[in-house]
Amino acid sequence: MSAEETLSEDERRALELVRETGGLHQSELWKELDVSSRKGSRIAESLQEAGLVQREEAVYQGHNTYFLMPRARDLEFSLLMAGDMLSPFIGEEEIDPTSDAFSQWLMNLAYEEY
């Protein structure tokens, strides 16, 4: 049985929220779930222990809290791929939509659909 199959309903909702947002502060999590901060902390700890989220110390609105992020294995990178090419929009530089790199990526993306 996988870790996700053993989750309570609140834990499932919390995991879905963390995945949908790409990460959020623990204080936001318990407010979104409409549970007490104590229960929210227990949910976050449980998800971390199960290896489903990463939980890092943070300061949010002047208070010590944790930032919860989906585990890297939960992220769907295939949406950024065209064949074996990673999207040219991943990175720090600005991409020219008329560039060869972008054109090649688009051609690979179009080729995959056939």
C-alpha atoms as a PDB file:
ATOM      1  CA  MET A   1       0.000   0.000   0.000  1.00  0.00           C
ATOM      2  CA  SER A   2       1.428   3.408  -0.997  1.00  0.00           C
ATOM      3  CA  ALA A   3       1.795   6.317   1.425  1.00  0.00           C
ATOM      4  CA  GLU A   4      -0.999   8.188  -0.361  1.00  0.00           C
ATOM      5  CA  GLU A   5      -3.453   5.328   0.093  1.00  0.00           C
ATOM      6  CA  THR A   6      -3.160   5.579   3.883  1.00  0.00           C
ATOM      7  CA  LEU A   7      -3.900   9.326   4.104  1.00  0.00           C
ATOM      8  CA  SER A   8      -6.907  10.711   5.937  1.00  0.00           C
ATOM      9  CA  GLU A   9      -9.347  12.910   4.034  1.00  0.00           C
ATOM     10  CA  ASP A  10      -7.783  16.086   5.500  1.00  0.00           C
ATOM     11  CA  GLU A  11      -4.289  14.878   4.565  1.00  0.00           C
ATOM     12  CA  ARG A  12      -5.435  14.166   1.001  1.00  0.00           C
ATOM     13  CA  ARG A  13      -6.943  17.642   0.714  1.00  0.00           C
ATOM     14  CA  ALA A  14      -3.734  19.168   2.092  1.00  0.00           C
ATOM     15  CA  LEU A  15      -1.526  17.229  -0.320  1.00  0.00           C
ATOM     16  CA  GLU A  16      -3.724  18.257  -3.244  1.00  0.00           C
ATOM     17  CA  LEU A  17      -3.497  21.899  -2.154  1.00  0.00           C
ATOM     18  CA  VAL A  18       0.301  21.761  -1.871  1.00  0.00           C
ATOM     19  CA  ARG A  19       0.544  20.185  -5.323  1.00  0.00           C
ATOM     20  CA  GLU A  20      -1.920  22.608  -6.953  1.00  0.00           C
ATOM     21  CA  THR A  21      -0.200  25.694  -5.568  1.00  0.00           C
ATOM     22  CA  GLY A  22       3.326  24.406  -6.048  1.00  0.00           C
ATOM     23  CA  GLY A  23       3.971  25.256  -2.406  1.00  0.00           C
ATOM     24  CA  LEU A  24       2.513  27.337   0.390  1.00  0.00           C
ATOM     25  CA  HIS A  25       3.148  28.365   3.975  1.00  0.00           C
ATOM     26  CA  GLN A  26       1.851  26.039   6.651  1.00  0.00           C
ATOM     27  CA  SER A  27      -0.226  28.875   8.136  1.00  0.00           C
ATOM     28  CA  GLU A  28      -1.978  29.277   4.766  1.00  0.00           C
ATOM     29  CA  LEU A  29      -2.557  25.533   4.591  1.00  0.00           C
ATOM     30  CA  TRP A  30      -4.546  25.246   7.803  1.00  0.00           C
ATOM     31  CA  LYS A  31      -6.585  28.346   6.934  1.00  0.00           C
ATOM     32  CA  GLU A  32      -7.426  26.915   3.492  1.00  0.00           C
ATOM     33  CA  LEU A  33      -8.391  23.577   5.055  1.00  0.00           C
ATOM     34  CA  ASP A  34     -10.400  25.356   7.780  1.00  0.00           C
ATOM     35  CA  VAL A  35      -8.668  23.429  10.571  1.00  0.00           C
ATOM     36  CA  SER A  36      -6.860  24.589  13.710  1.00  0.00           C
ATOM     37  CA  SER A  37      -3.187  25.507  13.523  1.00  0.00           C
ATOM     38  CA  ARG A  38      -2.439  22.483  15.706  1.00  0.00           C
ATOM     39  CA  LYS A  39      -4.244  20.103  13.357  1.00  0.00           C
ATOM     40  CA  GLY A  40      -2.628  21.834  10.355  1.00  0.00           C
ATOM     41  CA  SER A  41       0.807  21.261  11.899  1.00  0.00           C
ATOM     42  CA  ARG A  42       0.042  17.589  12.461  1.00  0.00           C
ATOM     43  CA  ILE A  43      -1.150  17.200   8.874  1.00  0.00           C
ATOM     44  CA  ALA A  44       1.995  18.875   7.515  1.00  0.00           C
ATOM     45  CA  GLU A  45       4.248  16.723   9.714  1.00  0.00           C
ATOM     46  CA  SER A  46       2.430  13.581   8.626  1.00  0.00           C
ATOM     47  CA  LEU A  47       2.830  14.451   4.933  1.00  0.00           C
ATOM     48  CA  GLN A  48       6.522  15.164   5.482  1.00  0.00           C
ATOM     49  CA  GLU A  49       7.080  11.878   7.347  1.00  0.00           C
ATOM     50  CA  ALA A  50       5.333  10.024   4.520  1.00  0.00           C
ATOM     51  CA  GLY A  51       7.773  11.637   2.069  1.00  0.00           C
ATOM     52  CA  LEU A  52       5.009  13.418   0.160  1.00  0.00           C
ATOM     53  CA  VAL A  53       6.046  17.030   0.841  1.00  0.00           C
ATOM     54  CA  GLN A  54       9.170  18.966   1.735  1.00  0.00           C
ATOM     55  CA  ARG A  55       8.842  21.178   4.805  1.00  0.00           C
ATOM     56  CA  GLU A  56      11.342  23.996   5.355  1.00  0.00           C
ATOM     57  CA  GLU A  57      11.521  26.593   8.113  1.00  0.00           C
ATOM     58  CA  ALA A  58      10.416  30.046   6.965  1.00  0.00           C
ATOM     59  CA  VAL A  59       9.279  33.436   8.203  1.00  0.00           C
ATOM     60  CA  TYR A  60       5.913  34.580   6.871  1.00  0.00           C
ATOM     61  CA  GLN A  61       4.268  37.879   7.824  1.00  0.00           C
ATOM     62  CA  GLY A  62       6.719  38.209  10.693  1.00  0.00           C
ATOM     63  CA  HIS A  63       5.998  34.769  12.151  1.00  0.00           C
ATOM     64  CA  ASN A  64       8.053  31.591  12.149  1.00  0.00           C
ATOM     65  CA  THR A  65       6.340  28.914  10.118  1.00  0.00           C
ATOM     66  CA  TYR A  66       7.135  26.298   7.507  1.00  0.00           C
ATOM     67  CA  PHE A  67       6.942  26.363   3.740  1.00  0.00           C
ATOM     68  CA  LEU A  68       5.489  23.187   2.242  1.00  0.00           C
ATOM     69  CA  MET A  69       6.453  22.100  -1.257  1.00  0.00           C
ATOM     70  CA  PRO A  70       5.568  19.035  -3.317  1.00  0.00           C
ATOM     71  CA  ARG A  71       8.347  16.478  -3.504  1.00  0.00           C
ATOM     72  CA  ALA A  72      10.303  16.813  -6.754  1.00  0.00           C
ATOM     73  CA  ARG A  73       9.126  13.383  -7.885  1.00  0.00           C
ATOM     74  CA  ASP A  74       5.561  14.723  -7.870  1.00  0.00           C
ATOM     75  CA  LEU A  75       6.275  17.436 -10.413  1.00  0.00           C
ATOM     76  CA  GLU A  76       5.295  16.800 -14.024  1.00  0.00           C
ATOM     77  CA  PHE A  77       8.275  17.844 -16.160  1.00  0.00           C
ATOM     78  CA  SER A  78       7.053  16.092 -19.305  1.00  0.00           C
ATOM     79  CA  LEU A  79       4.841  19.107 -20.011  1.00  0.00           C
ATOM     80  CA  LEU A  80       8.007  21.141 -20.578  1.00  0.00           C
ATOM     81  CA  MET A  81       9.463  18.675 -23.062  1.00  0.00           C
ATOM     82  CA  ALA A  82       9.257  18.436 -26.835  1.00  0.00           C
ATOM     83  CA  GLY A  83      10.930  15.184 -27.766  1.00  0.00           C
ATOM     84  CA  ASP A  84      14.174  15.259 -25.830  1.00  0.00           C
ATOM     85  CA  MET A  85      14.338  19.069 -25.721  1.00  0.00           C
ATOM     86  CA  LEU A  86      13.470  21.067 -22.594  1.00  0.00           C
ATOM     87  CA  SER A  87      11.456  24.233 -23.192  1.00  0.00           C
ATOM     88  CA  PRO A  88      13.691  27.207 -23.970  1.00  0.00           C
ATOM     89  CA  PHE A  89      11.521  29.234 -21.589  1.00  0.00           C
ATOM     90  CA  ILE A  90      13.142  27.443 -18.640  1.00  0.00           C
ATOM     91  CA  GLY A  91      15.988  29.622 -17.487  1.00  0.00           C
ATOM     92  CA  GLU A  92      16.836  33.149 -16.617  1.00  0.00           C
ATOM     93  CA  GLU A  93      17.374  34.702 -20.024  1.00  0.00           C
ATOM     94  CA  GLU A  94      14.577  36.195 -22.075  1.00  0.00           C
ATOM     95  CA  ILE A  95      13.681  34.068 -25.099  1.00  0.00           C
ATOM     96  CA  ASP A  96      13.147  35.569 -28.527  1.00  0.00           C
ATOM     97  CA  PRO A  97      10.102  33.833 -30.061  1.00  0.00           C
ATOM     98  CA  THR A  98      11.792  34.104 -33.471  1.00  0.00           C
ATOM     99  CA  SER A  99      14.966  32.365 -32.272  1.00  0.00           C
ATOM    100  CA  ASP A 100      16.214  29.066 -33.680  1.00  0.00           C
ATOM    101  CA  ALA A 101      16.026  27.419 -30.237  1.00  0.00           C
ATOM    102  CA  PHE A 102      12.350  28.258 -29.859  1.00  0.00           C
ATOM    103  CA  SER A 103      11.546  27.281 -33.450  1.00  0.00           C
ATOM    104  CA  GLN A 104      13.284  23.919 -33.034  1.00  0.00           C
ATOM    105  CA  TRP A 105      11.450  23.265 -29.757  1.00  0.00           C
ATOM    106  CA  LEU A 106       8.100  24.065 -31.405  1.00  0.00           C
ATOM    107  CA  MET A 107       8.896  21.808 -34.352  1.00  0.00           C
ATOM    108  CA  ASN A 108       9.721  18.957 -31.964  1.00  0.00           C
ATOM    109  CA  LEU A 109       6.497  19.621 -30.081  1.00  0.00           C
ATOM    110  CA  ALA A 110       4.453  19.532 -33.292  1.00  0.00           C
ATOM    111  CA  TYR A 111       6.275  16.390 -34.472  1.00  0.00           C
ATOM    112  CA  GLU A 112       5.353  14.560 -31.225  1.00  0.00           C
ATOM    113  CA  GLU A 113       1.639  14.945 -31.947  1.00  0.00           C
ATOM    114  CA  TYR A 114       1.835  12.823 -35.120  1.00  0.00           C
END
